[in-house]
Amino acid sequence: MRGTVLIIEDDTRIANWVKVYFEHAGFSAEVTHDGESGLQLARNLAPDLIILDLMLPRLDGVELCKILRRESEVPIIMLTAREALGERICGLDSGADDYIVKPFDPDEVIARADAVLRRVEGKVQQVITRGAITLNETERSVTVNGEPVTLSQAQIALLATFMRHPNQVLTRDQLISLTFRDEFDGFDRAVDN
């Protein structure tokens, strides 16, 4: 897998279409259809990229983008029908990294996503919190109830996968693919340990 994309889009058809294109490009993709659930999922999932519509129920895209930008440096691409120059400027000023107007070419969306991800590679500090566990992927450190825990690099990578996919049963092959992005040199049984 190339990373996790969170798609926050109220139009179910467009959201599913974008999800399929990202999955075909090798990404894991999650979809939600309103701003409040998008904010919660962004906090819980700690995605590598967010595709964000402007016109969302419960919390609009501009406000959501501002909140996300205050909390993290996750790359955000706005994907919206609003094409006026002022709205594009407002979207970018709210913290978006790119702005694409509907209708769009899916290959262009993937290309722009790749470009944004290349620019931020190694710069984004990813922190995932689940209950009492906090994982800082940038520093490769883990705390439980604020106390540091010593884990190997492979254990930290596996923990990140489990924290990004809560309440999901994952096969050994899925764990290897999601955790090591098909660059796993060990025996598959090593993951069991």
C-alpha atoms as a PDB file:
ATOM      1  CA  MET A   1       0.000   0.000   0.000  1.00  0.00           C
ATOM      2  CA  ARG A   2       1.144   3.529  -0.789  1.00  0.00           C
ATOM      3  CA  GLY A   3      -0.614   5.180   2.149  1.00  0.00           C
ATOM      4  CA  THR A   4      -4.056   5.956   3.532  1.00  0.00           C
ATOM      5  CA  VAL A   5      -6.371   8.530   1.947  1.00  0.00           C
ATOM      6  CA  LEU A   6      -9.408   9.950   3.731  1.00  0.00           C
ATOM      7  CA  ILE A   7     -12.109  11.163   1.335  1.00  0.00           C
ATOM      8  CA  ILE A   8     -14.596  13.608   2.896  1.00  0.00           C
ATOM      9  CA  GLU A   9     -17.312  14.099   0.268  1.00  0.00           C
ATOM     10  CA  ASP A  10     -21.083  14.347   0.715  1.00  0.00           C
ATOM     11  CA  ASP A  11     -21.902  13.050  -2.773  1.00  0.00           C
ATOM     12  CA  THR A  12     -21.820   9.267  -2.286  1.00  0.00           C
ATOM     13  CA  ARG A  13     -21.336   8.541  -5.984  1.00  0.00           C
ATOM     14  CA  ILE A  14     -18.324  10.857  -6.325  1.00  0.00           C
ATOM     15  CA  ALA A  15     -16.842   9.677  -3.012  1.00  0.00           C
ATOM     16  CA  ASN A  16     -17.016   6.023  -4.044  1.00  0.00           C
ATOM     17  CA  TRP A  17     -15.643   6.812  -7.485  1.00  0.00           C
ATOM     18  CA  VAL A  18     -12.640   8.675  -5.992  1.00  0.00           C
ATOM     19  CA  LYS A  19     -12.126   5.835  -3.487  1.00  0.00           C
ATOM     20  CA  VAL A  20     -11.960   3.261  -6.296  1.00  0.00           C
ATOM     21  CA  TYR A  21      -9.399   5.323  -8.215  1.00  0.00           C
ATOM     22  CA  PHE A  22      -7.170   5.710  -5.162  1.00  0.00           C
ATOM     23  CA  GLU A  23      -7.422   2.000  -4.402  1.00  0.00           C
ATOM     24  CA  HIS A  24      -6.499   1.152  -8.001  1.00  0.00           C
ATOM     25  CA  ALA A  25      -3.481   3.445  -7.588  1.00  0.00           C
ATOM     26  CA  GLY A  26      -2.369   1.375  -4.585  1.00  0.00           C
ATOM     27  CA  PHE A  27      -3.717   3.445  -1.690  1.00  0.00           C
ATOM     28  CA  SER A  28      -5.949   2.397   1.163  1.00  0.00           C
ATOM     29  CA  ALA A  29      -8.996   4.699   1.155  1.00  0.00           C
ATOM     30  CA  GLU A  30     -11.712   5.563   3.682  1.00  0.00           C
ATOM     31  CA  VAL A  31     -14.835   7.616   2.967  1.00  0.00           C
ATOM     32  CA  THR A  32     -17.112   9.763   5.097  1.00  0.00           C
ATOM     33  CA  HIS A  33     -19.901  12.096   4.022  1.00  0.00           C
ATOM     34  CA  ASP A  34     -20.044  15.031   6.466  1.00  0.00           C
ATOM     35  CA  GLY A  35     -17.637  17.426   8.119  1.00  0.00           C
ATOM     36  CA  GLU A  36     -18.031  16.334  11.740  1.00  0.00           C
ATOM     37  CA  SER A  37     -17.506  12.639  11.045  1.00  0.00           C
ATOM     38  CA  GLY A  38     -14.656  13.639   8.705  1.00  0.00           C
ATOM     39  CA  LEU A  39     -12.945  15.501  11.544  1.00  0.00           C
ATOM     40  CA  GLN A  40     -13.356  12.550  13.907  1.00  0.00           C
ATOM     41  CA  LEU A  41     -12.099  10.052  11.333  1.00  0.00           C
ATOM     42  CA  ALA A  42      -9.124  12.290  10.464  1.00  0.00           C
ATOM     43  CA  ARG A  43      -8.169  12.402  14.144  1.00  0.00           C
ATOM     44  CA  ASN A  44      -8.562   8.650  14.623  1.00  0.00           C
ATOM     45  CA  LEU A  45      -7.168   7.433  11.307  1.00  0.00           C
ATOM     46  CA  ALA A  46      -4.215   9.843  10.939  1.00  0.00           C
ATOM     47  CA  PRO A  47      -4.339   9.525   7.118  1.00  0.00           C
ATOM     48  CA  ASP A  48      -1.448  10.340   4.802  1.00  0.00           C
ATOM     49  CA  LEU A  49      -3.717  12.532   2.638  1.00  0.00           C
ATOM     50  CA  ILE A  50      -7.203  14.069   2.858  1.00  0.00           C
ATOM     51  CA  ILE A  51      -9.444  14.744  -0.134  1.00  0.00           C
ATOM     52  CA  LEU A  52     -11.937  17.360   1.052  1.00  0.00           C
ATOM     53  CA  ASP A  53     -15.133  18.750  -0.454  1.00  0.00           C
ATOM     54  CA  LEU A  54     -16.079  22.339   0.453  1.00  0.00           C
ATOM     55  CA  MET A  55     -19.857  21.923   0.625  1.00  0.00           C
ATOM     56  CA  LEU A  56     -20.349  19.477   3.494  1.00  0.00           C
ATOM     57  CA  PRO A  57     -23.188  19.055   5.984  1.00  0.00           C
ATOM     58  CA  ARG A  58     -22.586  19.558   9.743  1.00  0.00           C
ATOM     59  CA  LEU A  59     -19.211  21.323   9.248  1.00  0.00           C
ATOM     60  CA  ASP A  60     -18.199  22.953   5.970  1.00  0.00           C
ATOM     61  CA  GLY A  61     -14.939  22.167   4.217  1.00  0.00           C
ATOM     62  CA  VAL A  62     -13.251  25.521   4.860  1.00  0.00           C
ATOM     63  CA  GLU A  63     -13.864  25.322   8.623  1.00  0.00           C
ATOM     64  CA  LEU A  64     -12.846  21.670   8.667  1.00  0.00           C
ATOM     65  CA  CYS A  65      -9.647  22.476   6.775  1.00  0.00           C
ATOM     66  CA  LYS A  66      -8.772  25.226   9.284  1.00  0.00           C
ATOM     67  CA  ILE A  67      -9.291  22.851  12.226  1.00  0.00           C
ATOM     68  CA  LEU A  68      -7.245  20.105  10.592  1.00  0.00           C
ATOM     69  CA  ARG A  69      -4.453  22.533   9.766  1.00  0.00           C
ATOM     70  CA  ARG A  70      -4.271  23.698  13.405  1.00  0.00           C
ATOM     71  CA  GLU A  71      -4.011  20.079  14.557  1.00  0.00           C
ATOM     72  CA  SER A  72      -1.685  18.562  11.968  1.00  0.00           C
ATOM     73  CA  GLU A  73       0.252  19.025   8.773  1.00  0.00           C
ATOM     74  CA  VAL A  74      -1.599  16.298   6.880  1.00  0.00           C
ATOM     75  CA  PRO A  75      -1.747  17.148   3.160  1.00  0.00           C
ATOM     76  CA  ILE A  76      -5.217  18.314   2.089  1.00  0.00           C
ATOM     77  CA  ILE A  77      -6.535  18.530  -1.468  1.00  0.00           C
ATOM     78  CA  MET A  78      -9.867  20.289  -1.920  1.00  0.00           C
ATOM     79  CA  LEU A  79     -12.069  18.670  -4.541  1.00  0.00           C
ATOM     80  CA  THR A  80     -15.111  20.848  -5.124  1.00  0.00           C
ATOM     81  CA  ALA A  81     -17.620  22.247  -7.583  1.00  0.00           C
ATOM     82  CA  ARG A  82     -16.865  25.797  -6.425  1.00  0.00           C
ATOM     83  CA  GLU A  83     -14.721  27.237  -9.187  1.00  0.00           C
ATOM     84  CA  ALA A  84     -14.782  31.008  -8.591  1.00  0.00           C
ATOM     85  CA  LEU A  85     -11.337  32.511  -8.041  1.00  0.00           C
ATOM     86  CA  GLY A  86     -12.328  33.890  -4.633  1.00  0.00           C
ATOM     87  CA  GLU A  87     -13.465  30.471  -3.455  1.00  0.00           C
ATOM     88  CA  ARG A  88     -10.248  28.842  -4.681  1.00  0.00           C
ATOM     89  CA  ILE A  89      -8.211  31.461  -2.830  1.00  0.00           C
ATOM     90  CA  CYS A  90     -10.348  30.958   0.311  1.00  0.00           C
ATOM     91  CA  GLY A  91      -9.794  27.191   0.109  1.00  0.00           C
ATOM     92  CA  LEU A  92      -6.045  27.543  -0.236  1.00  0.00           C
ATOM     93  CA  ASP A  93      -5.905  30.228   2.472  1.00  0.00           C
ATOM     94  CA  SER A  94      -7.729  27.879   4.864  1.00  0.00           C
ATOM     95  CA  GLY A  95      -4.753  25.525   4.647  1.00  0.00           C
ATOM     96  CA  ALA A  96      -5.354  23.278   1.635  1.00  0.00           C
ATOM     97  CA  ASP A  97      -2.289  22.177  -0.316  1.00  0.00           C
ATOM     98  CA  ASP A  98      -4.115  21.978  -3.647  1.00  0.00           C
ATOM     99  CA  TYR A  99      -7.529  22.745  -5.129  1.00  0.00           C
ATOM    100  CA  ILE A 100      -9.236  20.751  -7.887  1.00  0.00           C
ATOM    101  CA  VAL A 101     -12.525  21.797  -9.482  1.00  0.00           C
ATOM    102  CA  LYS A 102     -15.259  19.283 -10.420  1.00  0.00           C
ATOM    103  CA  PRO A 103     -15.681  17.791 -12.929  1.00  0.00           C
ATOM    104  CA  PHE A 104     -12.169  16.386 -12.791  1.00  0.00           C
ATOM    105  CA  ASP A 105     -10.051  13.714 -14.387  1.00  0.00           C
ATOM    106  CA  PRO A 106      -9.283  10.927 -11.878  1.00  0.00           C
ATOM    107  CA  ASP A 107      -5.758  10.522 -13.238  1.00  0.00           C
ATOM    108  CA  GLU A 108      -5.108  14.195 -12.510  1.00  0.00           C
ATOM    109  CA  VAL A 109      -6.356  13.776  -8.929  1.00  0.00           C
ATOM    110  CA  ILE A 110      -3.949  10.857  -8.395  1.00  0.00           C
ATOM    111  CA  ALA A 111      -1.080  12.796 -10.025  1.00  0.00           C
ATOM    112  CA  ARG A 112      -1.729  15.829  -7.818  1.00  0.00           C
ATOM    113  CA  ALA A 113      -1.968  13.577  -4.758  1.00  0.00           C
ATOM    114  CA  ASP A 114       1.396  12.046  -5.638  1.00  0.00           C
ATOM    115  CA  ALA A 115       2.894  15.524  -6.103  1.00  0.00           C
ATOM    116  CA  VAL A 116       1.601  16.765  -2.739  1.00  0.00           C
ATOM    117  CA  LEU A 117       2.812  13.605  -0.995  1.00  0.00           C
ATOM    118  CA  ARG A 118       6.273  13.971  -2.577  1.00  0.00           C
ATOM    119  CA  ARG A 119       6.522  17.540  -1.275  1.00  0.00           C
ATOM    120  CA  VAL A 120       5.664  16.608   2.294  1.00  0.00           C
ATOM    121  CA  GLU A 121       7.463  13.268   2.463  1.00  0.00           C
ATOM    122  CA  GLY A 122       9.444  13.161   5.670  1.00  0.00           C
ATOM    123  CA  LYS A 123       8.095  16.536   6.851  1.00  0.00           C
ATOM    124  CA  VAL A 124       4.738  15.597   8.353  1.00  0.00           C
ATOM    125  CA  GLN A 125       4.725  14.575  11.993  1.00  0.00           C
ATOM    126  CA  GLN A 126       2.194  11.809  12.399  1.00  0.00           C
ATOM    127  CA  VAL A 127       0.812  11.202  15.881  1.00  0.00           C
ATOM    128  CA  ILE A 128      -1.877   8.578  16.416  1.00  0.00           C
ATOM    129  CA  THR A 129      -3.723   8.254  19.716  1.00  0.00           C
ATOM    130  CA  ARG A 130      -6.027   5.371  20.598  1.00  0.00           C
ATOM    131  CA  GLY A 131      -7.199   5.276  24.181  1.00  0.00           C
ATOM    132  CA  ALA A 132      -4.124   5.398  26.437  1.00  0.00           C
ATOM    133  CA  ILE A 133      -1.662   4.623  23.606  1.00  0.00           C
ATOM    134  CA  THR A 134       0.078   7.428  21.693  1.00  0.00           C
ATOM    135  CA  LEU A 135       2.335   6.637  18.744  1.00  0.00           C
ATOM    136  CA  ASN A 136       4.543   9.330  17.212  1.00  0.00           C
ATOM    137  CA  GLU A 137       5.532   7.862  13.849  1.00  0.00           C
ATOM    138  CA  THR A 138       7.982  10.666  13.091  1.00  0.00           C
ATOM    139  CA  GLU A 139       9.964  10.101  16.286  1.00  0.00           C
ATOM    140  CA  ARG A 140       9.208   6.346  16.239  1.00  0.00           C
ATOM    141  CA  SER A 141       8.156   6.501  19.905  1.00  0.00           C
ATOM    142  CA  VAL A 142       5.246   5.022  21.869  1.00  0.00           C
ATOM    143  CA  THR A 143       3.740   6.003  25.207  1.00  0.00           C
ATOM    144  CA  VAL A 144       1.032   4.332  27.275  1.00  0.00           C
ATOM    145  CA  ASN A 145      -0.634   6.684  29.778  1.00  0.00           C
ATOM    146  CA  GLY A 146       2.224   9.101  29.096  1.00  0.00           C
ATOM    147  CA  GLU A 147       4.921   6.554  30.007  1.00  0.00           C
ATOM    148  CA  PRO A 148       7.456   5.616  27.277  1.00  0.00           C
ATOM    149  CA  VAL A 149       7.380   2.035  25.989  1.00  0.00           C
ATOM    150  CA  THR A 150      10.334   0.424  24.231  1.00  0.00           C
ATOM    151  CA  LEU A 151       9.407  -1.350  20.978  1.00  0.00           C
ATOM    152  CA  SER A 152      11.400  -2.505  17.959  1.00  0.00           C
ATOM    153  CA  GLN A 153      10.949  -0.661  14.659  1.00  0.00           C
ATOM    154  CA  ALA A 154       8.911  -3.575  13.278  1.00  0.00           C
ATOM    155  CA  GLN A 155       6.677  -3.566  16.364  1.00  0.00           C
ATOM    156  CA  ILE A 156       6.111   0.177  16.012  1.00  0.00           C
ATOM    157  CA  ALA A 157       5.207  -0.290  12.342  1.00  0.00           C
ATOM    158  CA  LEU A 158       2.740  -3.068  13.224  1.00  0.00           C
ATOM    159  CA  LEU A 159       1.258  -0.995  16.053  1.00  0.00           C
ATOM    160  CA  ALA A 160       0.704   1.893  13.612  1.00  0.00           C
ATOM    161  CA  THR A 161      -1.176  -0.449  11.281  1.00  0.00           C
ATOM    162  CA  PHE A 162      -3.384  -1.735  14.099  1.00  0.00           C
ATOM    163  CA  MET A 163      -4.064   1.818  15.295  1.00  0.00           C
ATOM    164  CA  ARG A 164      -4.986   2.938  11.772  1.00  0.00           C
ATOM    165  CA  HIS A 165      -7.411   0.011  11.358  1.00  0.00           C
ATOM    166  CA  PRO A 166      -9.258  -0.215  14.674  1.00  0.00           C
ATOM    167  CA  ASN A 167     -11.812  -2.962  15.175  1.00  0.00           C
ATOM    168  CA  GLN A 168     -10.767  -4.685  11.950  1.00  0.00           C
ATOM    169  CA  VAL A 169      -9.573  -8.226  11.548  1.00  0.00           C
ATOM    170  CA  LEU A 170      -6.491  -8.241   9.313  1.00  0.00           C
ATOM    171  CA  THR A 171      -4.928 -11.302   7.731  1.00  0.00           C
ATOM    172  CA  ARG A 172      -1.174 -11.859   7.916  1.00  0.00           C
ATOM    173  CA  ASP A 173      -0.857 -10.874   4.241  1.00  0.00           C
ATOM    174  CA  GLN A 174      -2.854  -7.687   4.834  1.00  0.00           C
ATOM    175  CA  LEU A 175      -0.652  -6.829   7.820  1.00  0.00           C
ATOM    176  CA  ILE A 176       2.494  -7.311   5.771  1.00  0.00           C
ATOM    177  CA  SER A 177       1.119  -5.249   2.878  1.00  0.00           C
ATOM    178  CA  LEU A 178      -0.229  -2.397   5.046  1.00  0.00           C
ATOM    179  CA  THR A 179       2.735  -2.297   7.418  1.00  0.00           C
ATOM    180  CA  PHE A 180       5.725  -2.910   5.214  1.00  0.00           C
ATOM    181  CA  ARG A 181       4.293  -1.831   1.839  1.00  0.00           C
ATOM    182  CA  ASP A 182       5.420  -5.084   0.236  1.00  0.00           C
ATOM    183  CA  GLU A 183       9.043  -4.481   1.322  1.00  0.00           C
ATOM    184  CA  PHE A 184       9.043  -7.296   3.880  1.00  0.00           C
ATOM    185  CA  ASP A 185      12.185  -9.422   3.834  1.00  0.00           C
ATOM    186  CA  GLY A 186      11.375 -11.732   6.751  1.00  0.00           C
ATOM    187  CA  PHE A 187       9.352 -14.891   6.950  1.00  0.00           C
ATOM    188  CA  ASP A 188       5.610 -14.305   7.079  1.00  0.00           C
ATOM    189  CA  ARG A 189       5.487 -16.210  10.388  1.00  0.00           C
ATOM    190  CA  ALA A 190       7.676 -13.471  11.911  1.00  0.00           C
ATOM    191  CA  VAL A 191       4.580 -11.256  11.884  1.00  0.00           C
ATOM    192  CA  ASP A 192       2.812 -13.785  14.135  1.00  0.00           C
ATOM    193  CA  ASN A 193       5.417 -13.202  16.823  1.00  0.00           C
END
